[in-house]
């Protein structure tokens, strides 16, 4: 059962106009680009990442 939204003591600010895209839509990926992305994603998911002790900045 979903819980009801909490009642805030202040109104939620309006969404920023920067969140809305204007202009032409991006071109859809070609089937070749989709295939290459799928292959790279599968490769990245199954490749172990090196474990480092120090943090990278």
Protein backbone atom coordinates (compact mmCIF):
# COMPACT_ATOMS: atom_id res chain seq x y z
CA UNK A 1 0.00 0.00 0.00
CA UNK A 2 1.56 3.33 -1.01
CA UNK A 3 2.11 5.89 1.72
CA UNK A 4 0.53 9.32 1.25
CA UNK A 5 2.79 12.22 0.33
CA UNK A 6 3.91 14.27 3.34
CA UNK A 7 2.38 17.70 3.77
CA UNK A 8 5.11 20.29 3.55
CA UNK A 9 5.10 23.54 5.49
CA UNK A 10 6.12 25.39 2.33
CA UNK A 11 5.11 25.07 -1.34
CA UNK A 12 7.32 23.18 -3.76
CA UNK A 13 9.18 25.59 -6.05
CA UNK A 14 8.29 25.56 -9.74
CA UNK A 15 10.40 23.47 -12.11
CA UNK A 16 13.34 25.25 -13.67
CA UNK A 17 12.89 26.23 -17.32
CA UNK A 18 16.32 24.68 -17.90
CA UNK A 19 14.74 21.25 -17.30
CA UNK A 20 12.68 21.59 -20.46
CA UNK A 21 14.43 20.95 -23.75
CA UNK A 22 13.76 23.18 -26.68
CA UNK A 23 14.93 22.80 -30.23
CA UNK A 24 15.22 19.86 -32.60
CA UNK A 25 14.99 16.30 -31.34
CA UNK A 26 18.19 14.21 -31.46
CA UNK A 27 18.56 11.75 -34.32
CA UNK A 28 17.68 8.15 -33.40
CA UNK A 29 20.57 5.70 -33.27
CA UNK A 30 21.12 3.58 -36.34
CA UNK A 31 20.81 -0.21 -35.93
CA UNK A 32 24.61 -0.43 -36.25
CA UNK A 33 25.10 2.07 -33.41
CA UNK A 34 22.55 0.20 -31.27
CA UNK A 35 24.37 -3.09 -31.88
CA UNK A 36 27.76 -1.57 -31.01
CA UNK A 37 26.36 0.02 -27.83
CA UNK A 38 24.79 -3.30 -26.80
CA UNK A 39 28.11 -5.14 -27.33
CA UNK A 40 30.07 -2.55 -25.36
CA UNK A 41 27.54 -2.56 -22.54
CA UNK A 42 27.67 -6.34 -22.23
CA UNK A 43 31.47 -6.25 -22.31
CA UNK A 44 31.62 -3.57 -19.61
CA UNK A 45 29.15 -5.41 -17.39
CA UNK A 46 31.17 -8.63 -17.47
CA UNK A 47 34.64 -7.12 -17.18
CA UNK A 48 35.89 -6.95 -13.58
CA UNK A 49 36.94 -3.50 -12.47
CA UNK A 50 40.31 -3.01 -10.75
CA UNK A 51 40.00 -2.49 -7.02
CA UNK A 52 42.07 0.40 -5.72
CA UNK A 53 42.68 1.39 -2.11
CA UNK A 54 43.18 5.11 -2.72
CA UNK A 55 40.33 7.35 -3.76
CA UNK A 56 40.46 9.00 -7.15
CA UNK A 57 39.84 12.73 -7.38
